[in-house]
Amino acid sequence: MTADRTRVTDEPRSATGREWEVFVRADADAPLKHVGSVTAGTADTAHEHASSLFDWVARSIWVCPADETQRYTTGGVDGGRSA
């Protein structure tokens, strides 16, 4: 049985820059794992911030614009603001 998921609405999380979701891969065979987010004006700057935080644990670091990343949940992590 598949759980019902609702889309989490996206609201700006920062007034000072774009929010970037950070994913890391510990080794070549490992899946990507979401580890958090950073605020930065560009992807390169977001990568620099993410590297300073997660480089010790990651072989690969991916940054994705949070406003272009769609999130779905089965729980109430968004405080009931689902679309």
N, C-alpha and C. Protein backbone atom coordinates (compact mmCIF):
# COMPACT_ATOMS: atom_id res chain seq x y z
N MET A 1 0.84 -1.17 0.00
CA MET A 1 0.00 0.00 0.00
C MET A 1 0.89 1.24 0.00
N THR A 2 0.63 2.17 -0.88
CA THR A 2 1.39 3.41 -0.98
C THR A 2 0.78 4.47 -0.07
N ALA A 3 1.62 5.14 0.68
CA ALA A 3 1.15 6.20 1.57
C ALA A 3 0.72 7.41 0.75
N ASP A 4 -0.32 8.08 1.21
CA ASP A 4 -0.74 9.32 0.56
C ASP A 4 0.23 10.43 0.93
N ARG A 5 0.71 11.14 -0.07
CA ARG A 5 1.64 12.23 0.18
C ARG A 5 1.03 13.52 -0.35
N THR A 6 1.26 14.58 0.37
CA THR A 6 0.83 15.89 -0.08
C THR A 6 2.06 16.75 -0.31
N ARG A 7 1.94 17.66 -1.26
CA ARG A 7 3.06 18.53 -1.57
C ARG A 7 3.20 19.59 -0.49
N VAL A 8 4.43 19.80 -0.08
CA VAL A 8 4.72 20.83 0.92
C VAL A 8 4.85 22.15 0.19
N THR A 9 4.12 23.16 0.66
CA THR A 9 4.21 24.46 0.01
C THR A 9 5.55 25.09 0.31
N ASP A 10 6.06 25.81 -0.67
CA ASP A 10 7.36 26.44 -0.52
C ASP A 10 7.19 27.92 -0.24
N GLU A 11 7.77 28.34 0.86
CA GLU A 11 7.79 29.75 1.21
C GLU A 11 9.24 30.17 1.33
N PRO A 12 9.57 31.40 0.96
CA PRO A 12 10.98 31.83 1.08
C PRO A 12 11.47 31.64 2.51
N ARG A 13 12.67 31.07 2.64
CA ARG A 13 13.24 30.84 3.96
C ARG A 13 14.31 31.87 4.29
N SER A 14 14.64 32.72 3.33
CA SER A 14 15.67 33.72 3.58
C SER A 14 15.37 34.98 2.79
N ALA A 15 15.58 36.12 3.42
CA ALA A 15 15.41 37.40 2.74
C ALA A 15 16.73 37.89 2.18
N THR A 16 17.82 37.18 2.44
CA THR A 16 19.15 37.67 2.05
C THR A 16 19.80 36.88 0.93
N GLY A 17 19.18 35.82 0.44
CA GLY A 17 19.78 35.03 -0.62
C GLY A 17 18.89 33.87 -0.99
N ARG A 18 19.32 33.15 -1.99
CA ARG A 18 18.58 31.98 -2.45
C ARG A 18 18.93 30.79 -1.57
N GLU A 19 17.95 29.96 -1.32
CA GLU A 19 18.15 28.76 -0.51
C GLU A 19 18.50 27.59 -1.43
N TRP A 20 19.48 26.79 -1.02
CA TRP A 20 19.95 25.65 -1.80
C TRP A 20 19.88 24.40 -0.94
N GLU A 21 19.28 23.33 -1.46
CA GLU A 21 19.25 22.05 -0.77
C GLU A 21 20.58 21.34 -1.06
N VAL A 22 21.14 20.69 -0.05
CA VAL A 22 22.44 20.05 -0.17
C VAL A 22 22.28 18.53 -0.05
N PHE A 23 22.86 17.83 -1.02
CA PHE A 23 22.86 16.37 -1.04
C PHE A 23 24.31 15.91 -1.11
N VAL A 24 24.65 14.84 -0.39
CA VAL A 24 26.01 14.32 -0.43
C VAL A 24 25.99 12.84 -0.75
N ARG A 25 27.11 12.38 -1.26
CA ARG A 25 27.34 10.96 -1.52
C ARG A 25 28.65 10.61 -0.82
N ALA A 26 28.61 9.67 0.11
CA ALA A 26 29.79 9.33 0.91
C ALA A 26 30.85 8.60 0.09
N ASP A 27 30.44 7.76 -0.85
CA ASP A 27 31.38 7.09 -1.74
C ASP A 27 30.70 6.83 -3.07
N ALA A 28 31.44 6.33 -4.02
CA ALA A 28 30.94 6.18 -5.39
C ALA A 28 29.70 5.30 -5.49
N ASP A 29 29.55 4.32 -4.61
CA ASP A 29 28.42 3.39 -4.68
C ASP A 29 27.25 3.80 -3.79
N ALA A 30 27.41 4.83 -3.00
CA ALA A 30 26.37 5.24 -2.05
C ALA A 30 25.30 6.09 -2.74
N PRO A 31 24.08 6.04 -2.23
CA PRO A 31 23.04 6.91 -2.77
C PRO A 31 23.24 8.34 -2.28
N LEU A 32 22.65 9.29 -2.99
CA LEU A 32 22.65 10.67 -2.50
C LEU A 32 21.83 10.75 -1.23
N LYS A 33 22.26 11.59 -0.31
CA LYS A 33 21.55 11.77 0.96
C LYS A 33 21.38 13.26 1.21
N HIS A 34 20.16 13.68 1.50
CA HIS A 34 19.91 15.08 1.82
C HIS A 34 20.46 15.36 3.21
N VAL A 35 21.29 16.41 3.33
CA VAL A 35 21.91 16.70 4.62
C VAL A 35 21.57 18.09 5.17
N GLY A 36 20.88 18.90 4.38
CA GLY A 36 20.52 20.22 4.88
C GLY A 36 20.40 21.24 3.76
N SER A 37 20.53 22.50 4.13
CA SER A 37 20.43 23.56 3.14
C SER A 37 21.38 24.70 3.51
N VAL A 38 21.71 25.51 2.52
CA VAL A 38 22.55 26.69 2.71
C VAL A 38 21.92 27.85 1.97
N THR A 39 22.27 29.05 2.36
CA THR A 39 21.80 30.26 1.68
C THR A 39 22.98 30.88 0.96
N ALA A 40 22.78 31.17 -0.33
CA ALA A 40 23.84 31.76 -1.15
C ALA A 40 23.24 32.39 -2.39
N GLY A 41 23.95 33.32 -2.97
CA GLY A 41 23.48 34.00 -4.17
C GLY A 41 23.65 33.20 -5.45
N THR A 42 24.65 32.30 -5.48
CA THR A 42 24.92 31.50 -6.68
C THR A 42 25.17 30.05 -6.31
N ALA A 43 25.11 29.19 -7.32
CA ALA A 43 25.39 27.77 -7.08
C ALA A 43 26.83 27.57 -6.63
N ASP A 44 27.77 28.32 -7.21
CA ASP A 44 29.17 28.18 -6.81
C ASP A 44 29.38 28.55 -5.34
N THR A 45 28.75 29.62 -4.91
CA THR A 45 28.86 30.02 -3.50
C THR A 45 28.16 29.01 -2.60
N ALA A 46 27.02 28.50 -3.04
CA ALA A 46 26.32 27.46 -2.27
C ALA A 46 27.21 26.24 -2.12
N HIS A 47 27.90 25.86 -3.20
CA HIS A 47 28.81 24.71 -3.15
C HIS A 47 29.95 24.97 -2.16
N GLU A 48 30.49 26.18 -2.16
CA GLU A 48 31.56 26.52 -1.21
C GLU A 48 31.07 26.38 0.23
N HIS A 49 29.87 26.92 0.51
CA HIS A 49 29.31 26.82 1.86
C HIS A 49 29.08 25.36 2.23
N ALA A 50 28.48 24.60 1.32
CA ALA A 50 28.20 23.19 1.58
C ALA A 50 29.49 22.40 1.79
N SER A 51 30.51 22.70 1.00
CA SER A 51 31.79 22.01 1.15
C SER A 51 32.41 22.27 2.51
N SER A 52 32.30 23.51 2.99
CA SER A 52 32.88 23.80 4.30
C SER A 52 32.15 23.06 5.41
N LEU A 53 30.88 22.75 5.20
CA LEU A 53 30.09 22.05 6.20
C LEU A 53 30.19 20.52 6.09
N PHE A 54 30.22 20.00 4.86
CA PHE A 54 30.05 18.55 4.66
C PHE A 54 31.19 17.86 3.92
N ASP A 55 32.24 18.57 3.56
CA ASP A 55 33.31 17.97 2.77
C ASP A 55 33.97 16.79 3.46
N TRP A 56 34.01 16.80 4.77
CA TRP A 56 34.65 15.72 5.53
C TRP A 56 33.92 14.40 5.40
N VAL A 57 32.64 14.43 5.02
CA VAL A 57 31.85 13.21 4.94
C VAL A 57 31.44 12.86 3.51
N ALA A 58 31.77 13.72 2.55
CA ALA A 58 31.21 13.55 1.21
C ALA A 58 32.27 13.36 0.14
N ARG A 59 32.01 12.40 -0.72
CA ARG A 59 32.82 12.26 -1.94
C ARG A 59 32.27 13.22 -3.00
N SER A 60 30.94 13.34 -3.05
CA SER A 60 30.26 14.23 -3.99
C SER A 60 29.31 15.13 -3.22
N ILE A 61 29.20 16.37 -3.65
CA ILE A 61 28.25 17.31 -3.06
C ILE A 61 27.41 17.90 -4.19
N TRP A 62 26.11 17.81 -4.05
CA TRP A 62 25.18 18.40 -5.01
C TRP A 62 24.43 19.52 -4.31
N VAL A 63 24.22 20.63 -5.01
CA VAL A 63 23.36 21.69 -4.50
C VAL A 63 22.25 21.92 -5.53
N CYS A 64 21.03 22.05 -5.05
CA CYS A 64 19.86 22.23 -5.91
C CYS A 64 19.07 23.42 -5.38
N PRO A 65 18.61 24.32 -6.27
CA PRO A 65 17.81 25.44 -5.80
C PRO A 65 16.57 24.94 -5.06
N ALA A 66 16.38 25.39 -3.84
CA ALA A 66 15.26 24.93 -3.03
C ALA A 66 13.93 25.28 -3.69
N ASP A 67 13.86 26.43 -4.37
CA ASP A 67 12.60 26.83 -4.98
C ASP A 67 12.28 26.02 -6.24
N GLU A 68 13.21 25.19 -6.69
CA GLU A 68 12.96 24.31 -7.83
C GLU A 68 12.92 22.84 -7.41
N THR A 69 12.97 22.59 -6.11
CA THR A 69 12.92 21.25 -5.57
C THR A 69 11.54 21.04 -4.95
N GLN A 70 10.82 20.07 -5.45
CA GLN A 70 9.47 19.81 -4.94
C GLN A 70 9.54 18.79 -3.82
N ARG A 71 8.88 19.09 -2.71
CA ARG A 71 8.89 18.20 -1.55
C ARG A 71 7.48 17.67 -1.32
N TYR A 72 7.39 16.38 -1.00
CA TYR A 72 6.13 15.73 -0.69
C TYR A 72 6.30 15.00 0.63
N THR A 73 5.25 14.93 1.42
CA THR A 73 5.35 14.29 2.73
C THR A 73 4.08 13.53 3.08
N THR A 74 4.26 12.51 3.91
CA THR A 74 3.11 11.79 4.46
C THR A 74 2.77 12.33 5.84
N GLY A 75 3.66 13.15 6.41
CA GLY A 75 3.47 13.68 7.75
C GLY A 75 3.18 15.17 7.73
N GLY A 76 3.05 15.73 8.88
CA GLY A 76 2.72 17.15 9.01
C GLY A 76 3.93 18.03 9.25
N VAL A 77 5.04 17.78 8.57
CA VAL A 77 6.24 18.56 8.82
C VAL A 77 6.12 20.02 8.41
N ASP A 78 5.11 20.34 7.63
CA ASP A 78 4.95 21.73 7.16
C ASP A 78 3.92 22.49 7.98
N GLY A 79 3.51 21.95 9.08
CA GLY A 79 2.55 22.65 9.92
C GLY A 79 1.18 22.76 9.30
N GLY A 80 0.82 21.84 8.38
CA GLY A 80 -0.49 21.86 7.76
C GLY A 80 -0.63 22.81 6.59
N ARG A 81 0.51 23.30 6.04
CA ARG A 81 0.46 24.23 4.91
C ARG A 81 0.58 23.53 3.57
N SER A 82 0.14 22.30 3.47
CA SER A 82 0.26 21.54 2.22
C SER A 82 -0.73 22.04 1.19
N ALA A 83 -0.27 21.98 -0.09
CA ALA A 83 -1.11 22.42 -1.20
C ALA A 83 -1.99 21.27 -1.67
